[in-house]
């Protein structure tokens, strides 16, 4: 199965937690049906991205990175690469690369969708990231490492986040329910 076929299958069968997420799910599926290259960065201006929220095993803390270009705290994630076999695999790769944690386990069922415009991603102009977000957990006792793409990587108590961004707060709430 190709990554495109995997994404279409995963998103076609995903049960959205609310009406807003269902609207996004439907839009993502329509995008993939219309664009065989809809997972990849060259699909302009819209393309899917994959990310992972890393929660501590007791769900009391979340690992976030201070993004180098955006200068904001985010979960881990980024562009899907041609070598990625699945959305969950792309999310795991991104989380591993950006956190330095090699012992992450990914839940293959998406937790949350987020559609957002990014101004610094492409020289052609603003792009819209159709982000598919997964839950990752640590399977080993490791220390996160700051990557080239981040300014900082840090654990935060879920009740003392460095951001009030509604999509991030909703992602963390839904991930903790898993």
N, C-alpha and C. Protein backbone atom coordinates (compact mmCIF):
# COMPACT_ATOMS: atom_id res chain seq x y z
N UNK A 1 0.85 -1.17 0.00
CA UNK A 1 0.00 0.00 0.00
C UNK A 1 0.90 1.24 0.00
N UNK A 2 0.57 2.19 -0.81
CA UNK A 2 1.32 3.45 -0.85
C UNK A 2 0.91 4.35 0.32
N UNK A 3 1.72 5.35 0.58
CA UNK A 3 1.37 6.31 1.64
C UNK A 3 0.06 7.02 1.31
N UNK A 4 -0.15 7.34 0.03
CA UNK A 4 -1.39 8.00 -0.37
C UNK A 4 -2.59 7.10 -0.08
N UNK A 5 -2.48 5.83 -0.45
CA UNK A 5 -3.57 4.88 -0.20
C UNK A 5 -3.80 4.70 1.30
N UNK A 6 -2.69 4.65 2.06
CA UNK A 6 -2.81 4.54 3.52
C UNK A 6 -3.55 5.75 4.08
N UNK A 7 -3.16 6.94 3.67
CA UNK A 7 -3.79 8.16 4.17
C UNK A 7 -5.27 8.19 3.83
N UNK A 8 -5.59 7.84 2.61
CA UNK A 8 -6.99 7.83 2.19
C UNK A 8 -7.79 6.82 3.02
N UNK A 9 -7.22 5.65 3.25
CA UNK A 9 -7.89 4.62 4.05
C UNK A 9 -8.05 5.07 5.50
N UNK A 10 -6.97 5.57 6.10
CA UNK A 10 -7.02 6.00 7.50
C UNK A 10 -8.04 7.11 7.69
N UNK A 11 -8.00 8.12 6.83
CA UNK A 11 -8.91 9.26 7.00
C UNK A 11 -10.35 8.93 6.60
N UNK A 12 -10.53 8.01 5.68
CA UNK A 12 -11.89 7.60 5.30
C UNK A 12 -12.59 6.86 6.43
N UNK A 13 -11.81 6.15 7.25
CA UNK A 13 -12.40 5.33 8.31
C UNK A 13 -12.26 5.94 9.71
N UNK A 14 -11.58 7.06 9.82
CA UNK A 14 -11.40 7.67 11.13
C UNK A 14 -12.72 8.21 11.66
N UNK A 15 -13.02 7.95 12.91
CA UNK A 15 -14.23 8.45 13.56
C UNK A 15 -13.87 9.76 14.26
N UNK A 16 -14.38 10.85 13.73
CA UNK A 16 -14.08 12.18 14.25
C UNK A 16 -14.72 12.38 15.62
N UNK A 17 -14.02 13.08 16.52
CA UNK A 17 -14.58 13.29 17.86
C UNK A 17 -15.64 14.40 17.95
N UNK A 18 -15.78 15.21 16.87
CA UNK A 18 -16.76 16.30 16.91
C UNK A 18 -17.05 16.77 15.48
N UNK A 19 -18.03 17.63 15.33
CA UNK A 19 -18.46 18.11 14.01
C UNK A 19 -17.35 18.89 13.30
N UNK A 20 -16.60 19.71 14.03
CA UNK A 20 -15.51 20.48 13.42
C UNK A 20 -14.43 19.55 12.85
N UNK A 21 -14.09 18.52 13.60
CA UNK A 21 -13.10 17.56 13.12
C UNK A 21 -13.64 16.75 11.93
N UNK A 22 -14.93 16.48 11.93
CA UNK A 22 -15.53 15.76 10.81
C UNK A 22 -15.48 16.60 9.54
N UNK A 23 -15.70 17.90 9.65
CA UNK A 23 -15.60 18.78 8.49
C UNK A 23 -14.18 18.74 7.92
N UNK A 24 -13.18 18.78 8.79
CA UNK A 24 -11.79 18.69 8.33
C UNK A 24 -11.50 17.33 7.71
N UNK A 25 -11.96 16.27 8.36
CA UNK A 25 -11.74 14.92 7.83
C UNK A 25 -12.29 14.80 6.41
N UNK A 26 -13.48 15.30 6.19
CA UNK A 26 -14.10 15.26 4.87
C UNK A 26 -13.28 16.06 3.86
N UNK A 27 -12.80 17.23 4.25
CA UNK A 27 -11.98 18.06 3.36
C UNK A 27 -10.66 17.37 3.02
N UNK A 28 -10.05 16.71 3.99
CA UNK A 28 -8.79 16.01 3.75
C UNK A 28 -8.99 14.86 2.76
N UNK A 29 -10.08 14.10 2.96
CA UNK A 29 -10.37 12.99 2.04
C UNK A 29 -10.62 13.53 0.63
N UNK A 30 -11.39 14.60 0.51
CA UNK A 30 -11.64 15.20 -0.81
C UNK A 30 -10.34 15.68 -1.45
N UNK A 31 -9.44 16.24 -0.65
CA UNK A 31 -8.14 16.68 -1.16
C UNK A 31 -7.35 15.50 -1.70
N UNK A 32 -7.32 14.41 -0.95
CA UNK A 32 -6.56 13.23 -1.39
C UNK A 32 -7.16 12.60 -2.65
N UNK A 33 -8.48 12.59 -2.74
CA UNK A 33 -9.14 12.04 -3.94
C UNK A 33 -8.80 12.91 -5.16
N UNK A 34 -8.76 14.21 -4.99
CA UNK A 34 -8.49 15.12 -6.10
C UNK A 34 -7.01 15.24 -6.46
N UNK A 35 -6.13 14.92 -5.50
CA UNK A 35 -4.69 15.15 -5.71
C UNK A 35 -3.88 13.89 -5.36
N UNK A 36 -3.49 13.11 -6.36
CA UNK A 36 -2.65 11.94 -6.08
C UNK A 36 -1.33 12.30 -5.40
N UNK A 37 -0.88 13.56 -5.53
CA UNK A 37 0.33 14.03 -4.86
C UNK A 37 0.01 14.85 -3.61
N UNK A 38 -1.20 14.73 -3.11
CA UNK A 38 -1.69 15.57 -2.02
C UNK A 38 -1.00 15.40 -0.68
N UNK A 39 -0.14 14.40 -0.56
CA UNK A 39 0.62 14.23 0.67
C UNK A 39 1.92 15.01 0.67
N UNK A 40 2.39 15.35 -0.50
CA UNK A 40 3.76 15.86 -0.62
C UNK A 40 3.83 17.37 -0.76
N UNK A 41 4.94 17.93 -0.31
CA UNK A 41 5.16 19.36 -0.31
C UNK A 41 4.98 20.02 -1.68
N UNK A 42 5.36 19.37 -2.79
CA UNK A 42 5.15 20.01 -4.10
C UNK A 42 3.67 20.27 -4.45
N UNK A 43 2.74 19.61 -3.75
CA UNK A 43 1.32 19.87 -3.99
C UNK A 43 1.00 21.22 -3.36
N UNK A 44 0.86 22.22 -4.19
CA UNK A 44 0.75 23.61 -3.76
C UNK A 44 -0.63 24.15 -4.10
N UNK A 45 -1.28 24.85 -3.23
CA UNK A 45 -0.81 25.36 -1.95
C UNK A 45 -1.18 24.46 -0.76
N UNK A 46 -1.95 23.39 -0.98
CA UNK A 46 -2.38 22.54 0.12
C UNK A 46 -1.69 21.18 0.05
N UNK A 47 -1.25 20.68 1.18
CA UNK A 47 -0.74 19.32 1.27
C UNK A 47 -0.84 18.84 2.71
N UNK A 48 -0.91 17.51 2.86
CA UNK A 48 -0.98 16.94 4.19
C UNK A 48 0.38 17.02 4.87
N UNK A 49 0.35 17.11 6.17
CA UNK A 49 1.53 16.98 7.02
C UNK A 49 1.16 16.01 8.13
N UNK A 50 2.17 15.50 8.83
CA UNK A 50 1.92 14.53 9.89
C UNK A 50 2.68 14.94 11.14
N UNK A 51 2.05 14.77 12.28
CA UNK A 51 2.68 15.14 13.53
C UNK A 51 2.33 14.19 14.65
N UNK A 52 3.08 14.32 15.73
CA UNK A 52 2.84 13.48 16.90
C UNK A 52 2.99 14.30 18.17
N UNK A 53 2.06 14.12 19.05
CA UNK A 53 2.13 14.70 20.39
C UNK A 53 2.71 13.64 21.30
N UNK A 54 3.79 13.98 21.98
CA UNK A 54 4.43 13.04 22.91
C UNK A 54 3.93 13.34 24.32
N UNK A 55 3.26 12.36 24.90
CA UNK A 55 2.77 12.46 26.27
C UNK A 55 3.62 11.58 27.17
N UNK A 56 3.79 12.01 28.43
CA UNK A 56 4.44 11.14 29.41
C UNK A 56 3.52 9.94 29.65
N UNK A 57 4.07 8.86 30.16
CA UNK A 57 3.28 7.65 30.36
C UNK A 57 2.12 7.85 31.33
N UNK A 58 2.26 8.78 32.27
CA UNK A 58 1.16 9.04 33.20
C UNK A 58 0.21 10.14 32.68
N UNK A 59 0.46 10.63 31.47
CA UNK A 59 -0.36 11.64 30.79
C UNK A 59 -0.37 13.00 31.49
N UNK A 60 0.56 13.24 32.40
CA UNK A 60 0.58 14.51 33.12
C UNK A 60 1.46 15.57 32.46
N UNK A 61 2.32 15.13 31.52
CA UNK A 61 3.21 16.07 30.86
C UNK A 61 3.21 15.84 29.36
N UNK A 62 3.53 16.93 28.65
CA UNK A 62 3.59 16.88 27.20
C UNK A 62 4.95 17.43 26.78
N UNK A 63 5.56 16.79 25.79
CA UNK A 63 6.84 17.25 25.26
C UNK A 63 6.58 18.12 24.04
N UNK A 64 7.04 19.37 24.10
CA UNK A 64 6.84 20.31 23.01
C UNK A 64 8.18 20.85 22.53
N UNK A 65 8.18 21.35 21.30
CA UNK A 65 9.39 21.99 20.78
C UNK A 65 9.09 23.43 20.39
N UNK A 66 10.06 24.28 20.69
CA UNK A 66 9.98 25.68 20.30
C UNK A 66 10.52 25.75 18.88
N UNK A 67 9.60 25.89 17.93
CA UNK A 67 9.93 25.82 16.50
C UNK A 67 10.86 26.95 16.09
N UNK A 68 11.91 26.60 15.36
CA UNK A 68 12.93 27.56 14.98
C UNK A 68 12.43 28.68 14.09
N UNK A 69 11.56 28.38 13.15
CA UNK A 69 11.06 29.40 12.23
C UNK A 69 9.84 30.13 12.78
N UNK A 70 8.93 29.40 13.37
CA UNK A 70 7.68 30.00 13.86
C UNK A 70 7.85 30.69 15.21
N UNK A 71 8.87 30.28 15.96
CA UNK A 71 9.12 30.85 17.30
C UNK A 71 7.92 30.63 18.22
N UNK A 72 7.28 29.47 18.06
CA UNK A 72 6.13 29.10 18.89
C UNK A 72 6.28 27.65 19.32
N UNK A 73 5.64 27.30 20.43
CA UNK A 73 5.68 25.94 20.94
C UNK A 73 4.68 25.07 20.19
N UNK A 74 5.15 23.93 19.71
CA UNK A 74 4.31 23.00 18.94
C UNK A 74 4.59 21.56 19.37
N UNK A 75 3.67 20.70 18.99
CA UNK A 75 3.96 19.26 19.00
C UNK A 75 4.91 19.02 17.82
N UNK A 76 5.43 17.83 17.71
CA UNK A 76 6.38 17.52 16.64
C UNK A 76 5.63 17.20 15.35
N UNK A 77 6.25 17.54 14.22
CA UNK A 77 5.61 17.20 12.96
C UNK A 77 6.23 17.92 11.79
N UNK A 78 5.78 17.54 10.61
CA UNK A 78 6.29 18.17 9.42
C UNK A 78 5.82 17.49 8.16
N UNK A 79 6.56 17.72 7.11
CA UNK A 79 6.18 17.24 5.78
C UNK A 79 6.35 15.73 5.64
N UNK A 80 5.46 15.16 4.88
CA UNK A 80 5.54 13.75 4.54
C UNK A 80 6.56 13.61 3.41
N UNK A 81 7.41 12.62 3.53
CA UNK A 81 8.44 12.38 2.51
C UNK A 81 8.05 11.21 1.63
N UNK A 82 8.58 11.19 0.42
CA UNK A 82 8.27 10.13 -0.53
C UNK A 82 8.61 8.75 0.03
N UNK A 83 9.57 8.67 0.93
CA UNK A 83 9.98 7.39 1.52
C UNK A 83 9.06 6.93 2.65
N UNK A 84 8.15 7.78 3.12
CA UNK A 84 7.24 7.39 4.19
C UNK A 84 6.18 6.44 3.65
N UNK A 85 5.94 5.37 4.39
CA UNK A 85 4.96 4.37 3.96
C UNK A 85 3.56 4.67 4.46
N UNK A 86 3.45 5.51 5.50
CA UNK A 86 2.14 5.78 6.08
C UNK A 86 2.15 7.12 6.80
N UNK A 87 0.95 7.62 7.09
CA UNK A 87 0.84 8.85 7.87
C UNK A 87 1.43 8.66 9.27
N UNK A 88 1.08 7.57 9.92
CA UNK A 88 1.60 7.31 11.26
C UNK A 88 3.12 7.16 11.23
N UNK A 89 3.64 6.51 10.19
CA UNK A 89 5.09 6.37 10.06
C UNK A 89 5.77 7.72 9.87
N UNK A 90 5.16 8.61 9.11
CA UNK A 90 5.71 9.96 8.92
C UNK A 90 5.68 10.73 10.24
N UNK A 91 4.60 10.60 11.00
CA UNK A 91 4.50 11.27 12.29
C UNK A 91 5.56 10.75 13.26
N UNK A 92 5.78 9.45 13.26
CA UNK A 92 6.81 8.86 14.13
C UNK A 92 8.20 9.33 13.71
N UNK A 93 8.47 9.35 12.42
CA UNK A 93 9.77 9.83 11.92
C UNK A 93 10.01 11.26 12.36
N UNK A 94 9.02 12.12 12.16
CA UNK A 94 9.15 13.53 12.53
C UNK A 94 9.38 13.69 14.04
N UNK A 95 8.62 12.97 14.85
CA UNK A 95 8.77 13.07 16.30
C UNK A 95 10.15 12.58 16.74
N UNK A 96 10.62 11.52 16.12
CA UNK A 96 11.95 10.99 16.46
C UNK A 96 13.04 11.98 16.06
N UNK A 97 12.94 12.50 14.84
CA UNK A 97 13.95 13.46 14.36
C UNK A 97 13.98 14.73 15.20
N UNK A 98 12.82 15.24 15.55
CA UNK A 98 12.75 16.54 16.22
C UNK A 98 12.94 16.46 17.74
N UNK A 99 12.73 15.29 18.32
CA UNK A 99 12.87 15.15 19.78
C UNK A 99 14.16 14.44 20.18
N UNK A 100 14.73 13.68 19.26
CA UNK A 100 15.90 12.88 19.59
C UNK A 100 15.55 11.60 20.34
N UNK A 101 14.28 11.34 20.54
CA UNK A 101 13.84 10.14 21.26
C UNK A 101 13.69 8.98 20.28
N UNK A 102 14.45 7.93 20.49
CA UNK A 102 14.42 6.79 19.56
C UNK A 102 13.45 5.71 19.99
N UNK A 103 12.95 5.79 21.22
CA UNK A 103 12.07 4.75 21.73
C UNK A 103 10.61 5.17 21.80
N UNK A 104 10.13 5.85 20.79
CA UNK A 104 8.73 6.26 20.78
C UNK A 104 7.86 5.18 20.14
N UNK A 105 6.65 5.04 20.64
CA UNK A 105 5.64 4.17 20.03
C UNK A 105 4.49 5.07 19.59
N UNK A 106 4.01 4.84 18.37
CA UNK A 106 2.95 5.69 17.81
C UNK A 106 1.63 4.94 17.79
N UNK A 107 0.57 5.59 18.18
CA UNK A 107 -0.77 5.04 18.04
C UNK A 107 -1.17 5.30 16.59
N UNK A 108 -1.49 4.26 15.80
CA UNK A 108 -1.76 4.45 14.37
C UNK A 108 -3.08 5.13 14.03
N UNK A 109 -3.90 5.41 15.02
CA UNK A 109 -5.17 6.10 14.79
C UNK A 109 -4.99 7.58 15.09
N UNK A 110 -5.32 8.45 14.14
CA UNK A 110 -5.18 9.89 14.40
C UNK A 110 -5.96 10.32 15.64
N UNK A 111 -5.44 11.37 16.27
CA UNK A 111 -6.10 11.96 17.44
C UNK A 111 -6.85 13.22 17.03
N UNK A 112 -6.25 13.99 16.09
CA UNK A 112 -6.74 15.36 15.85
C UNK A 112 -6.28 15.81 14.47
N UNK A 113 -7.08 16.66 13.85
CA UNK A 113 -6.73 17.29 12.58
C UNK A 113 -6.65 18.79 12.78
N UNK A 114 -5.71 19.42 12.08
CA UNK A 114 -5.57 20.88 12.18
C UNK A 114 -5.18 21.43 10.83
N UNK A 115 -5.99 22.32 10.31
CA UNK A 115 -5.70 22.97 9.04
C UNK A 115 -5.21 24.38 9.35
N UNK A 116 -4.00 24.69 8.91
CA UNK A 116 -3.45 26.01 9.20
C UNK A 116 -2.58 26.51 8.06
N UNK A 117 -2.55 27.83 7.90
CA UNK A 117 -1.74 28.48 6.87
C UNK A 117 -0.36 28.76 7.43
N UNK A 118 0.65 28.49 6.59
CA UNK A 118 2.04 28.71 6.97
C UNK A 118 2.68 29.62 5.93
N UNK A 119 3.23 30.73 6.39
CA UNK A 119 3.81 31.72 5.47
C UNK A 119 5.27 31.45 5.12
N UNK A 120 5.99 30.67 5.93
CA UNK A 120 7.43 30.51 5.75
C UNK A 120 7.83 29.17 5.13
N UNK A 121 6.87 28.42 4.65
CA UNK A 121 7.14 27.05 4.21
C UNK A 121 7.59 26.92 2.76
N UNK A 122 7.16 27.84 1.90
CA UNK A 122 7.38 27.68 0.46
C UNK A 122 7.66 29.05 -0.17
N UNK A 123 8.62 29.09 -1.05
CA UNK A 123 8.96 30.34 -1.74
C UNK A 123 7.85 30.84 -2.66
N UNK A 124 6.94 29.93 -3.06
CA UNK A 124 5.85 30.31 -3.95
C UNK A 124 4.77 31.11 -3.24
N UNK A 125 4.77 31.07 -1.92
CA UNK A 125 3.77 31.80 -1.16
C UNK A 125 3.22 30.97 -0.03
N UNK A 126 2.20 31.48 0.67
CA UNK A 126 1.62 30.75 1.80
C UNK A 126 1.06 29.40 1.36
N UNK A 127 1.19 28.43 2.24
CA UNK A 127 0.64 27.10 2.01
C UNK A 127 -0.32 26.77 3.14
N UNK A 128 -1.19 25.82 2.88
CA UNK A 128 -2.07 25.32 3.93
C UNK A 128 -1.66 23.90 4.26
N UNK A 129 -1.32 23.69 5.53
CA UNK A 129 -0.98 22.35 6.01
C UNK A 129 -2.23 21.68 6.52
N UNK A 130 -2.53 20.54 5.96
CA UNK A 130 -3.64 19.71 6.40
C UNK A 130 -3.02 18.69 7.33
N UNK A 131 -2.87 19.07 8.58
CA UNK A 131 -2.08 18.30 9.54
C UNK A 131 -2.90 17.18 10.16
N UNK A 132 -2.31 15.97 10.17
CA UNK A 132 -2.90 14.80 10.81
C UNK A 132 -2.02 14.49 12.02
N UNK A 133 -2.61 14.54 13.19
CA UNK A 133 -1.85 14.45 14.44
C UNK A 133 -2.13 13.14 15.16
N UNK A 134 -1.05 12.52 15.61
CA UNK A 134 -1.11 11.23 16.28
C UNK A 134 -0.59 11.36 17.72
N UNK A 135 -0.76 10.31 18.49
CA UNK A 135 -0.25 10.25 19.85
C UNK A 135 0.98 9.34 19.87
N UNK A 136 2.05 9.82 20.51
CA UNK A 136 3.25 9.00 20.70
C UNK A 136 3.56 8.92 22.18
N UNK A 137 4.08 7.77 22.58
CA UNK A 137 4.49 7.58 23.98
C UNK A 137 5.91 7.05 24.02
N UNK A 138 6.59 7.40 25.09
CA UNK A 138 7.95 6.92 25.27
C UNK A 138 7.91 5.47 25.74
N UNK A 139 8.81 4.65 25.18
CA UNK A 139 8.90 3.25 25.60
C UNK A 139 10.20 3.00 26.36
N UNK A 140 11.04 4.02 26.45
CA UNK A 140 12.30 3.91 27.18
C UNK A 140 12.57 5.23 27.89
N UNK A 141 13.41 5.18 28.92
CA UNK A 141 13.77 6.38 29.65
C UNK A 141 14.87 7.09 28.88
N UNK A 142 14.51 8.14 28.18
CA UNK A 142 15.45 8.88 27.34
C UNK A 142 15.32 10.37 27.64
N UNK A 143 16.35 11.09 27.28
CA UNK A 143 16.34 12.54 27.41
C UNK A 143 16.17 13.16 26.03
N UNK A 144 15.20 14.05 25.86
CA UNK A 144 15.02 14.70 24.56
C UNK A 144 16.24 15.53 24.18
N UNK A 145 16.43 15.70 22.88
CA UNK A 145 17.54 16.46 22.33
C UNK A 145 16.98 17.50 21.36
N UNK A 146 17.49 18.71 21.44
CA UNK A 146 17.05 19.77 20.52
C UNK A 146 17.61 19.48 19.13
N UNK A 147 16.74 19.53 18.13
CA UNK A 147 17.16 19.29 16.74
C UNK A 147 17.52 20.61 16.06
N UNK A 148 17.97 20.50 14.82
CA UNK A 148 18.31 21.69 14.03
C UNK A 148 17.09 22.56 13.74
N UNK A 149 15.89 21.97 13.81
CA UNK A 149 14.67 22.70 13.49
C UNK A 149 14.08 23.42 14.69
N UNK A 150 14.61 23.17 15.88
CA UNK A 150 14.03 23.71 17.10
C UNK A 150 15.00 24.60 17.85
N UNK A 151 14.43 25.49 18.64
CA UNK A 151 15.22 26.32 19.55
C UNK A 151 15.34 25.62 20.90
N UNK A 152 14.28 24.90 21.28
CA UNK A 152 14.24 24.22 22.57
C UNK A 152 13.26 23.06 22.48
N UNK A 153 13.45 22.06 23.32
CA UNK A 153 12.53 20.94 23.49
C UNK A 153 12.38 20.76 25.00
N UNK A 154 11.12 20.73 25.46
CA UNK A 154 10.93 20.73 26.90
C UNK A 154 9.61 20.05 27.28
N UNK A 155 9.62 19.40 28.45
CA UNK A 155 8.40 18.83 29.04
C UNK A 155 7.64 19.93 29.76
N UNK A 156 6.31 19.92 29.61
CA UNK A 156 5.43 20.85 30.31
C UNK A 156 4.30 20.08 30.98
N UNK A 157 3.94 20.48 32.21
CA UNK A 157 2.72 19.92 32.80
C UNK A 157 1.53 20.30 31.91
N UNK A 158 0.60 19.38 31.73
CA UNK A 158 -0.52 19.66 30.83
C UNK A 158 -1.39 20.81 31.31
N UNK A 159 -1.29 21.15 32.59
CA UNK A 159 -2.07 22.28 33.10
C UNK A 159 -1.26 23.58 33.14
N UNK A 160 -0.03 23.58 32.61
CA UNK A 160 0.80 24.78 32.56
C UNK A 160 1.51 24.86 31.21
N UNK A 161 0.73 24.90 30.15
CA UNK A 161 1.27 24.92 28.79
C UNK A 161 1.81 26.30 28.44
N UNK A 162 2.81 26.35 27.56
CA UNK A 162 3.34 27.65 27.13
C UNK A 162 2.53 28.28 26.00
N UNK A 163 1.39 27.69 25.70
CA UNK A 163 0.54 28.19 24.62
C UNK A 163 -0.93 28.01 25.01
N UNK A 164 -1.75 28.91 24.53
CA UNK A 164 -3.20 28.80 24.71
C UNK A 164 -3.88 28.55 23.37
N UNK A 165 -3.09 28.21 22.35
CA UNK A 165 -3.63 27.96 21.02
C UNK A 165 -4.72 26.89 21.12
N UNK A 166 -5.95 27.20 20.70
CA UNK A 166 -7.06 26.25 20.86
C UNK A 166 -6.80 24.88 20.24
N UNK A 167 -6.19 24.83 19.06
CA UNK A 167 -5.95 23.54 18.42
C UNK A 167 -4.98 22.69 19.25
N UNK A 168 -3.96 23.31 19.85
CA UNK A 168 -3.01 22.57 20.68
C UNK A 168 -3.67 22.08 21.96
N UNK A 169 -4.46 22.94 22.59
CA UNK A 169 -5.16 22.56 23.81
C UNK A 169 -6.13 21.41 23.52
N UNK A 170 -6.83 21.47 22.39
CA UNK A 170 -7.76 20.41 22.01
C UNK A 170 -7.02 19.11 21.71
N UNK A 171 -5.89 19.20 21.01
CA UNK A 171 -5.08 18.01 20.72
C UNK A 171 -4.66 17.34 22.02
N UNK A 172 -4.17 18.09 22.98
CA UNK A 172 -3.71 17.52 24.24
C UNK A 172 -4.88 16.91 25.00
N UNK A 173 -6.01 17.58 25.01
CA UNK A 173 -7.20 17.04 25.70
C UNK A 173 -7.60 15.71 25.09
N UNK A 174 -7.67 15.63 23.76
CA UNK A 174 -8.07 14.40 23.10
C UNK A 174 -7.04 13.29 23.30
N UNK A 175 -5.76 13.64 23.25
CA UNK A 175 -4.70 12.64 23.44
C UNK A 175 -4.75 12.05 24.84
N UNK A 176 -5.04 12.87 25.83
CA UNK A 176 -5.11 12.37 27.21
C UNK A 176 -6.29 11.42 27.43
N UNK A 177 -7.30 11.52 26.58
CA UNK A 177 -8.46 10.64 26.69
C UNK A 177 -8.19 9.23 26.15
N UNK A 178 -7.12 9.09 25.38
CA UNK A 178 -6.78 7.79 24.80
C UNK A 178 -6.34 6.81 25.86
